Amino acid sequence: MERDNRLEERRRNNGTIRVNVNALERLLKKAGTIALAGTTALTIVGGTIGYQFGYHQGVKEVPGYIPSGYVLTETQDQIRVGGSVTDTAADYYYSAYTSMYDSLDEYAKVIEDKNGLRHNQTVYPGDTITLPVMVDEANPHYIQTLVLQSQISDIEKNNYWVQYTVQFGDTISSLAAKASGSQGETAILTQKILEKNSSGRILQAGDTIWIVNPELGPLKISLEEEKKALQEELKSIAEAQKAEEKKPLSN
């Protein structure tokens, strides 16, 4: 509930994020090979517009081939209570993955290696691991993550710092939060703003200072929401496919 309230408050402060159709069209034209399966699309995701979501390690980690119509990206998930890397891997793995990884065990070993873990190394509840995952190239959540990643990257490159007139009640941390996607990032941005404006300065209403562009906050929140929605959808697809495969063949 507290998180939901924070998200709603930040949206009120920064406006509602909607899909920019023109931006999407430009993005798809710019990354024209996104509609292609295999290593070309993989390179785009990992190299051109990756933002903590792209598959960064390249083709060498894929022992087989990516099925036509899909791209390989990555997601982050947490180890469940009493769970293991293999248990988390099983949430995503189903028969279509066999073109890349012969078995669940092989997929789990690739994940262990990707996360710097020894085989069957002990992991703990709440530990976060990165997993390579297969995504339909036309998945709306996936496409929206690319649009949001591109928008964030453009602001960070071209309009990261903006001037702001201090209002009564403003604090450095509250201004940092408007550009942040998490509490941890807010602390980092607070320090950046302090350094940009000579640390230790007391804010006075009417002062003009530099702050990190507040347009970033809603974009980052929306990106996390899209990544989470995609993650849940991938798990649902795997669960449905495995249930279908267990059904007895009809005569």
C-alpha atoms as a PDB file:
ATOM      1  CA  MET A   1       0.000   0.000   0.000  1.00  0.00           C
ATOM      2  CA  GLU A   2       2.799   2.415   0.890  1.00  0.00           C
ATOM      3  CA  ARG A   3       4.547   1.699  -2.413  1.00  0.00           C
ATOM      4  CA  ASP A   4       1.304   2.213  -4.343  1.00  0.00           C
ATOM      5  CA  ASN A   5       0.807   5.560  -2.607  1.00  0.00           C
ATOM      6  CA  ARG A   6       4.354   6.625  -3.491  1.00  0.00           C
ATOM      7  CA  LEU A   7       3.837   5.678  -7.128  1.00  0.00           C
ATOM      8  CA  GLU A   8       0.536   7.544  -7.312  1.00  0.00           C
ATOM      9  CA  GLU A   9       2.040  10.628  -5.664  1.00  0.00           C
ATOM     10  CA  ARG A  10       4.950  10.619  -8.072  1.00  0.00           C
ATOM     11  CA  ARG A  11       2.602  10.286 -11.012  1.00  0.00           C
ATOM     12  CA  ARG A  12       0.638  13.295  -9.781  1.00  0.00           C
ATOM     13  CA  ASN A  13       3.884  15.238  -9.562  1.00  0.00           C
ATOM     14  CA  ASN A  14       5.168  14.210 -12.977  1.00  0.00           C
ATOM     15  CA  GLY A  15       2.124  13.402 -15.099  1.00  0.00           C
ATOM     16  CA  THR A  16       0.824  10.191 -16.617  1.00  0.00           C
ATOM     17  CA  ILE A  17       3.079   8.234 -18.950  1.00  0.00           C
ATOM     18  CA  ARG A  18       1.437   7.114 -22.173  1.00  0.00           C
ATOM     19  CA  VAL A  19       2.900   5.210 -25.115  1.00  0.00           C
ATOM     20  CA  ASN A  20       4.181   7.669 -27.670  1.00  0.00           C
ATOM     21  CA  VAL A  21       3.163   6.027 -30.941  1.00  0.00           C
ATOM     22  CA  ASN A  22       5.454   8.216 -33.011  1.00  0.00           C
ATOM     23  CA  ALA A  23       8.368   7.438 -30.734  1.00  0.00           C
ATOM     24  CA  LEU A  24       7.608   3.724 -31.056  1.00  0.00           C
ATOM     25  CA  GLU A  25       7.552   3.961 -34.846  1.00  0.00           C
ATOM     26  CA  ARG A  26      10.852   5.843 -34.858  1.00  0.00           C
ATOM     27  CA  LEU A  27      12.364   3.299 -32.499  1.00  0.00           C
ATOM     28  CA  LEU A  28      11.279   0.367 -34.652  1.00  0.00           C
ATOM     29  CA  LYS A  29      12.619   2.053 -37.777  1.00  0.00           C
ATOM     30  CA  LYS A  30      15.897   2.866 -36.043  1.00  0.00           C
ATOM     31  CA  ALA A  31      16.217  -0.709 -34.787  1.00  0.00           C
ATOM     32  CA  GLY A  32      14.763  -2.235 -37.927  1.00  0.00           C
ATOM     33  CA  THR A  33      16.172  -5.678 -37.254  1.00  0.00           C
ATOM     34  CA  ILE A  34      14.127  -5.966 -34.071  1.00  0.00           C
ATOM     35  CA  ALA A  35      11.570  -7.823 -36.165  1.00  0.00           C
ATOM     36  CA  LEU A  36      14.213 -10.385 -37.095  1.00  0.00           C
ATOM     37  CA  ALA A  37      14.788 -13.464 -34.995  1.00  0.00           C
ATOM     38  CA  GLY A  38      18.163 -14.705 -33.881  1.00  0.00           C
ATOM     39  CA  THR A  39      21.489 -12.993 -33.397  1.00  0.00           C
ATOM     40  CA  THR A  40      20.703  -9.715 -35.172  1.00  0.00           C
ATOM     41  CA  ALA A  41      17.771  -8.884 -32.917  1.00  0.00           C
ATOM     42  CA  LEU A  42      19.795 -10.164 -29.983  1.00  0.00           C
ATOM     43  CA  THR A  43      22.556  -7.694 -30.762  1.00  0.00           C
ATOM     44  CA  ILE A  44      20.087  -4.798 -30.841  1.00  0.00           C
ATOM     45  CA  VAL A  45      18.624  -5.668 -27.464  1.00  0.00           C
ATOM     46  CA  GLY A  46      21.994  -6.213 -25.852  1.00  0.00           C
ATOM     47  CA  GLY A  47      24.020  -3.556 -27.585  1.00  0.00           C
ATOM     48  CA  THR A  48      21.986  -0.637 -28.869  1.00  0.00           C
ATOM     49  CA  ILE A  49      19.254   0.060 -26.351  1.00  0.00           C
ATOM     50  CA  GLY A  50      19.814  -2.239 -23.392  1.00  0.00           C
ATOM     51  CA  TYR A  51      18.904  -0.669 -20.045  1.00  0.00           C
ATOM     52  CA  GLN A  52      19.250  -3.237 -17.256  1.00  0.00           C
ATOM     53  CA  PHE A  53      17.083  -5.537 -19.337  1.00  0.00           C
ATOM     54  CA  GLY A  54      18.910  -6.351 -22.547  1.00  0.00           C
ATOM     55  CA  TYR A  55      20.760  -9.627 -22.986  1.00  0.00           C
ATOM     56  CA  HIS A  56      24.293  -8.270 -22.606  1.00  0.00           C
ATOM     57  CA  GLN A  57      26.466 -11.363 -22.847  1.00  0.00           C
ATOM     58  CA  GLY A  58      26.025 -12.081 -26.522  1.00  0.00           C
ATOM     59  CA  VAL A  59      25.511 -15.199 -28.586  1.00  0.00           C
ATOM     60  CA  LYS A  60      28.263 -17.229 -26.935  1.00  0.00           C
ATOM     61  CA  GLU A  61      25.964 -18.082 -24.011  1.00  0.00           C
ATOM     62  CA  VAL A  62      23.354 -19.597 -26.313  1.00  0.00           C
ATOM     63  CA  PRO A  63      24.376 -23.195 -27.118  1.00  0.00           C
ATOM     64  CA  GLY A  64      21.622 -23.701 -29.691  1.00  0.00           C
ATOM     65  CA  TYR A  65      19.475 -21.302 -31.691  1.00  0.00           C
ATOM     66  CA  ILE A  66      16.695 -18.821 -30.928  1.00  0.00           C
ATOM     67  CA  PRO A  67      13.335 -19.931 -32.376  1.00  0.00           C
ATOM     68  CA  SER A  68      11.960 -17.864 -35.251  1.00  0.00           C
ATOM     69  CA  GLY A  69       9.818 -14.968 -34.052  1.00  0.00           C
ATOM     70  CA  TYR A  70      11.561 -14.691 -30.673  1.00  0.00           C
ATOM     71  CA  VAL A  71      14.383 -12.707 -29.132  1.00  0.00           C
ATOM     72  CA  LEU A  72      16.517 -13.541 -26.150  1.00  0.00           C
ATOM     73  CA  THR A  73      16.651 -10.963 -23.392  1.00  0.00           C
ATOM     74  CA  GLU A  74      17.013 -11.247 -19.637  1.00  0.00           C
ATOM     75  CA  THR A  75      15.060 -10.729 -16.460  1.00  0.00           C
ATOM     76  CA  GLN A  76      15.859 -10.656 -12.769  1.00  0.00           C
ATOM     77  CA  ASP A  77      14.033 -12.782 -10.224  1.00  0.00           C
ATOM     78  CA  GLN A  78      14.405 -13.715  -6.578  1.00  0.00           C
ATOM     79  CA  ILE A  79      15.055 -17.085  -4.997  1.00  0.00           C
ATOM     80  CA  ARG A  80      11.976 -18.342  -3.149  1.00  0.00           C
ATOM     81  CA  VAL A  81      11.998 -19.656   0.412  1.00  0.00           C
ATOM     82  CA  GLY A  82      13.327 -23.205   0.221  1.00  0.00           C
ATOM     83  CA  GLY A  83      14.076 -22.712  -3.465  1.00  0.00           C
ATOM     84  CA  SER A  84      17.148 -22.960  -5.662  1.00  0.00           C
ATOM     85  CA  VAL A  85      18.449 -21.617  -8.956  1.00  0.00           C
ATOM     86  CA  THR A  86      16.902 -24.622 -10.683  1.00  0.00           C
ATOM     87  CA  ASP A  87      13.518 -23.955  -9.067  1.00  0.00           C
ATOM     88  CA  THR A  88      13.551 -20.355 -10.318  1.00  0.00           C
ATOM     89  CA  ALA A  89      14.743 -21.478 -13.751  1.00  0.00           C
ATOM     90  CA  ALA A  90      11.830 -23.929 -13.905  1.00  0.00           C
ATOM     91  CA  ASP A  91       9.386 -21.009 -13.677  1.00  0.00           C
ATOM     92  CA  TYR A  92      10.461 -19.946 -17.195  1.00  0.00           C
ATOM     93  CA  TYR A  93      11.648 -23.130 -18.874  1.00  0.00           C
ATOM     94  CA  TYR A  94       9.412 -25.183 -21.175  1.00  0.00           C
ATOM     95  CA  SER A  95       9.794 -27.221 -24.374  1.00  0.00           C
ATOM     96  CA  ALA A  96      10.469 -24.250 -26.684  1.00  0.00           C
ATOM     97  CA  TYR A  97      13.688 -23.591 -24.741  1.00  0.00           C
ATOM     98  CA  THR A  98      15.130 -26.947 -25.855  1.00  0.00           C
ATOM     99  CA  SER A  99      16.311 -25.348 -29.100  1.00  0.00           C
ATOM    100  CA  MET A 100      18.734 -23.350 -26.939  1.00  0.00           C
ATOM    101  CA  TYR A 101      19.173 -25.492 -23.813  1.00  0.00           C
ATOM    102  CA  ASP A 102      18.733 -29.257 -24.015  1.00  0.00           C
ATOM    103  CA  SER A 103      17.333 -29.572 -20.518  1.00  0.00           C
ATOM    104  CA  LEU A 104      16.291 -27.627 -17.446  1.00  0.00           C
ATOM    105  CA  ASP A 105      19.557 -28.651 -15.783  1.00  0.00           C
ATOM    106  CA  GLU A 106      21.578 -27.154 -18.643  1.00  0.00           C
ATOM    107  CA  TYR A 107      19.517 -23.951 -18.498  1.00  0.00           C
ATOM    108  CA  ALA A 108      20.099 -23.738 -14.735  1.00  0.00           C
ATOM    109  CA  LYS A 109      23.850 -24.220 -15.199  1.00  0.00           C
ATOM    110  CA  VAL A 110      23.964 -21.366 -17.719  1.00  0.00           C
ATOM    111  CA  ILE A 111      22.137 -19.183 -15.193  1.00  0.00           C
ATOM    112  CA  GLU A 112      24.576 -20.173 -12.438  1.00  0.00           C
ATOM    113  CA  ASP A 113      27.520 -19.293 -14.665  1.00  0.00           C
ATOM    114  CA  LYS A 114      25.916 -15.988 -15.686  1.00  0.00           C
ATOM    115  CA  ASN A 115      25.550 -15.042 -12.015  1.00  0.00           C
ATOM    116  CA  GLY A 116      29.046 -16.132 -10.996  1.00  0.00           C
ATOM    117  CA  LEU A 117      27.760 -19.108  -9.010  1.00  0.00           C
ATOM    118  CA  ARG A 118      29.297 -22.544  -8.715  1.00  0.00           C
ATOM    119  CA  HIS A 119      27.133 -25.484  -9.719  1.00  0.00           C
ATOM    120  CA  ASN A 120      24.639 -26.212  -6.939  1.00  0.00           C
ATOM    121  CA  GLN A 121      26.092 -23.395  -4.834  1.00  0.00           C
ATOM    122  CA  THR A 122      23.861 -22.500  -1.892  1.00  0.00           C
ATOM    123  CA  VAL A 123      21.588 -19.525  -2.501  1.00  0.00           C
ATOM    124  CA  TYR A 124      19.260 -17.843  -0.053  1.00  0.00           C
ATOM    125  CA  PRO A 125      15.667 -16.587  -0.122  1.00  0.00           C
ATOM    126  CA  GLY A 126      15.542 -13.103  -1.555  1.00  0.00           C
ATOM    127  CA  ASP A 127      18.799 -13.451  -3.518  1.00  0.00           C
ATOM    128  CA  THR A 128      18.358 -11.864  -6.955  1.00  0.00           C
ATOM    129  CA  ILE A 129      19.597 -13.712 -10.027  1.00  0.00           C
ATOM    130  CA  THR A 130      19.616 -12.802 -13.718  1.00  0.00           C
ATOM    131  CA  LEU A 131      18.068 -15.252 -16.173  1.00  0.00           C
ATOM    132  CA  PRO A 132      18.140 -15.326 -19.993  1.00  0.00           C
ATOM    133  CA  VAL A 133      14.533 -15.547 -21.195  1.00  0.00           C
ATOM    134  CA  MET A 134      12.858 -16.024 -24.551  1.00  0.00           C
ATOM    135  CA  VAL A 135      10.301 -13.393 -25.584  1.00  0.00           C
ATOM    136  CA  ASP A 136       7.942 -13.112 -28.528  1.00  0.00           C
ATOM    137  CA  GLU A 137       9.368 -10.202 -30.541  1.00  0.00           C
ATOM    138  CA  ALA A 138       5.858  -8.691 -30.847  1.00  0.00           C
ATOM    139  CA  ASN A 139       5.020  -8.901 -27.135  1.00  0.00           C
ATOM    140  CA  PRO A 140       3.485  -5.512 -26.164  1.00  0.00           C
ATOM    141  CA  HIS A 141       5.238  -5.414 -22.772  1.00  0.00           C
ATOM    142  CA  TYR A 142       8.578  -6.160 -24.416  1.00  0.00           C
ATOM    143  CA  ILE A 143       8.099  -3.475 -27.077  1.00  0.00           C
ATOM    144  CA  GLN A 144       7.053  -0.959 -24.432  1.00  0.00           C
ATOM    145  CA  THR A 145      10.218  -1.659 -22.427  1.00  0.00           C
ATOM    146  CA  LEU A 146      12.217  -0.782 -25.534  1.00  0.00           C
ATOM    147  CA  VAL A 147      10.319   2.478 -25.988  1.00  0.00           C
ATOM    148  CA  LEU A 148      10.793   3.444 -22.337  1.00  0.00           C
ATOM    149  CA  GLN A 149      14.463   2.449 -22.379  1.00  0.00           C
ATOM    150  CA  SER A 150      14.985   4.635 -25.432  1.00  0.00           C
ATOM    151  CA  GLN A 151      13.207   7.617 -23.845  1.00  0.00           C
ATOM    152  CA  ILE A 152      15.236   7.280 -20.639  1.00  0.00           C
ATOM    153  CA  SER A 153      18.481   6.977 -22.568  1.00  0.00           C
ATOM    154  CA  ASP A 154      17.677  10.058 -24.640  1.00  0.00           C
ATOM    155  CA  ILE A 155      16.993  12.197 -21.549  1.00  0.00           C
ATOM    156  CA  GLU A 156      20.076  10.937 -19.732  1.00  0.00           C
ATOM    157  CA  LYS A 157      22.213  11.741 -22.758  1.00  0.00           C
ATOM    158  CA  ASN A 158      20.745  15.076 -23.808  1.00  0.00           C
ATOM    159  CA  ASN A 159      18.799  16.665 -20.947  1.00  0.00           C
ATOM    160  CA  TYR A 160      19.919  15.069 -17.681  1.00  0.00           C
ATOM    161  CA  TRP A 161      20.360  18.293 -15.682  1.00  0.00           C
ATOM    162  CA  VAL A 162      17.660  20.980 -15.682  1.00  0.00           C
ATOM    163  CA  GLN A 163      17.328  24.252 -13.798  1.00  0.00           C
ATOM    164  CA  TYR A 164      14.616  24.443 -11.165  1.00  0.00           C
ATOM    165  CA  THR A 165      13.185  27.248  -9.033  1.00  0.00           C
ATOM    166  CA  VAL A 166      12.904  26.069  -5.442  1.00  0.00           C
ATOM    167  CA  GLN A 167       9.416  25.999  -3.955  1.00  0.00           C
ATOM    168  CA  PHE A 168       8.532  26.264  -0.276  1.00  0.00           C
ATOM    169  CA  GLY A 169       8.943  22.863   1.386  1.00  0.00           C
ATOM    170  CA  ASP A 170      11.326  21.425  -1.213  1.00  0.00           C
ATOM    171  CA  THR A 171      14.252  19.324  -0.043  1.00  0.00           C
ATOM    172  CA  ILE A 172      17.125  17.915  -2.042  1.00  0.00           C
ATOM    173  CA  SER A 173      15.892  14.377  -1.423  1.00  0.00           C
ATOM    174  CA  SER A 174      12.311  15.188  -2.470  1.00  0.00           C
ATOM    175  CA  LEU A 175      13.602  16.687  -5.711  1.00  0.00           C
ATOM    176  CA  ALA A 176      15.866  13.683  -6.256  1.00  0.00           C
ATOM    177  CA  ALA A 177      12.902  11.331  -5.733  1.00  0.00           C
ATOM    178  CA  LYS A 178      11.081  12.864  -8.696  1.00  0.00           C
ATOM    179  CA  ALA A 179      13.836  11.594 -11.020  1.00  0.00           C
ATOM    180  CA  SER A 180      14.286   8.280  -9.267  1.00  0.00           C
ATOM    181  CA  GLY A 181      12.912   4.798  -9.776  1.00  0.00           C
ATOM    182  CA  SER A 182      13.696   3.479  -6.281  1.00  0.00           C
ATOM    183  CA  GLN A 183      14.632   4.541  -2.767  1.00  0.00           C
ATOM    184  CA  GLY A 184      18.203   3.393  -3.323  1.00  0.00           C
ATOM    185  CA  GLU A 185      18.520   5.518  -6.433  1.00  0.00           C
ATOM    186  CA  THR A 186      17.023   8.509  -4.605  1.00  0.00           C
ATOM    187  CA  ALA A 187      19.962   8.460  -2.191  1.00  0.00           C
ATOM    188  CA  ILE A 188      22.413   8.399  -5.096  1.00  0.00           C
ATOM    189  CA  LEU A 189      20.674  11.242  -6.933  1.00  0.00           C
ATOM    190  CA  THR A 190      20.469  13.299  -3.736  1.00  0.00           C
ATOM    191  CA  GLN A 191      24.253  13.173  -3.479  1.00  0.00           C
ATOM    192  CA  LYS A 192      24.642  14.078  -7.150  1.00  0.00           C
ATOM    193  CA  ILE A 193      22.404  17.128  -6.775  1.00  0.00           C
ATOM    194  CA  LEU A 194      24.288  18.243  -3.684  1.00  0.00           C
ATOM    195  CA  GLU A 195      27.593  17.981  -5.548  1.00  0.00           C
ATOM    196  CA  LYS A 196      26.202  19.781  -8.596  1.00  0.00           C
ATOM    197  CA  ASN A 197      25.045  22.724  -6.453  1.00  0.00           C
ATOM    198  CA  SER A 198      27.883  22.875  -3.913  1.00  0.00           C
ATOM    199  CA  SER A 199      27.020  20.449  -1.106  1.00  0.00           C
ATOM    200  CA  GLY A 200      25.689  21.752   2.185  1.00  0.00           C
ATOM    201  CA  ARG A 201      23.614  24.505   0.656  1.00  0.00           C
ATOM    202  CA  ILE A 202      20.305  25.224   2.441  1.00  0.00           C
ATOM    203  CA  LEU A 203      17.408  25.587   0.037  1.00  0.00           C
ATOM    204  CA  GLN A 204      15.494  28.841   0.002  1.00  0.00           C
ATOM    205  CA  ALA A 205      12.228  29.362  -1.891  1.00  0.00           C
ATOM    206  CA  GLY A 206      12.968  31.256  -5.085  1.00  0.00           C
ATOM    207  CA  ASP A 207      16.523  29.927  -5.459  1.00  0.00           C
ATOM    208  CA  THR A 208      17.470  28.460  -8.834  1.00  0.00           C
ATOM    209  CA  ILE A 209      19.358  25.167  -8.685  1.00  0.00           C
ATOM    210  CA  TRP A 210      20.247  22.259 -10.945  1.00  0.00           C
ATOM    211  CA  ILE A 211      18.311  19.034 -10.473  1.00  0.00           C
ATOM    212  CA  VAL A 212      18.163  15.712 -12.300  1.00  0.00           C
ATOM    213  CA  ASN A 213      15.388  15.861 -14.895  1.00  0.00           C
ATOM    214  CA  PRO A 214      12.131  14.907 -13.089  1.00  0.00           C
ATOM    215  CA  GLU A 215      10.763  13.435 -16.326  1.00  0.00           C
ATOM    216  CA  LEU A 216      12.944  10.418 -15.595  1.00  0.00           C
ATOM    217  CA  GLY A 217      11.006   9.316 -12.488  1.00  0.00           C
ATOM    218  CA  PRO A 218       7.699   8.322 -14.125  1.00  0.00           C
ATOM    219  CA  LEU A 219       9.543   6.740 -17.050  1.00  0.00           C
ATOM    220  CA  LYS A 220      11.604   4.568 -14.719  1.00  0.00           C
ATOM    221  CA  ILE A 221       8.534   3.560 -12.717  1.00  0.00           C
ATOM    222  CA  SER A 222       6.674   2.649 -15.891  1.00  0.00           C
ATOM    223  CA  LEU A 223       9.686   0.664 -17.097  1.00  0.00           C
ATOM    224  CA  GLU A 224       9.757  -1.370 -13.894  1.00  0.00           C
ATOM    225  CA  GLU A 225       6.016  -2.006 -14.196  1.00  0.00           C
ATOM    226  CA  GLU A 226       6.393  -3.205 -17.789  1.00  0.00           C
ATOM    227  CA  LYS A 227       9.333  -5.442 -16.877  1.00  0.00           C
ATOM    228  CA  LYS A 228       7.333  -6.955 -14.026  1.00  0.00           C
ATOM    229  CA  ALA A 229       4.299  -7.487 -16.257  1.00  0.00           C
ATOM    230  CA  LEU A 230       6.475  -9.171 -18.876  1.00  0.00           C
ATOM    231  CA  GLN A 231       8.075 -11.365 -16.231  1.00  0.00           C
ATOM    232  CA  GLU A 232       4.710 -12.550 -14.935  1.00  0.00           C
ATOM    233  CA  GLU A 233       3.488 -13.171 -18.471  1.00  0.00           C
ATOM    234  CA  LEU A 234       6.549 -15.298 -19.262  1.00  0.00           C
ATOM    235  CA  LYS A 235       5.913 -17.400 -16.162  1.00  0.00           C
ATOM    236  CA  SER A 236       2.257 -17.827 -17.121  1.00  0.00           C
ATOM    237  CA  ILE A 237       3.219 -18.916 -20.630  1.00  0.00           C
ATOM    238  CA  ALA A 238       5.651 -21.489 -19.264  1.00  0.00           C
ATOM    239  CA  GLU A 239       3.087 -22.810 -16.792  1.00  0.00           C
ATOM    240  CA  ALA A 240       0.391 -23.100 -19.461  1.00  0.00           C
ATOM    241  CA  GLN A 241       2.709 -24.810 -21.928  1.00  0.00           C
ATOM    242  CA  LYS A 242       3.893 -27.337 -19.377  1.00  0.00           C
ATOM    243  CA  ALA A 243       0.310 -28.095 -18.361  1.00  0.00           C
ATOM    244  CA  GLU A 244      -0.624 -28.600 -22.012  1.00  0.00           C
ATOM    245  CA  GLU A 245       2.305 -30.939 -22.563  1.00  0.00           C
ATOM    246  CA  LYS A 246       1.227 -33.088 -19.627  1.00  0.00           C
ATOM    247  CA  LYS A 247      -2.205 -33.720 -21.100  1.00  0.00           C
ATOM    248  CA  PRO A 248      -2.661 -37.262 -22.456  1.00  0.00           C
ATOM    249  CA  LEU A 249      -2.808 -37.541 -26.218  1.00  0.00           C
ATOM    250  CA  SER A 250      -6.314 -38.103 -27.516  1.00  0.00           C
ATOM    251  CA  ASN A 251      -6.953 -41.174 -29.673  1.00  0.00           C
END
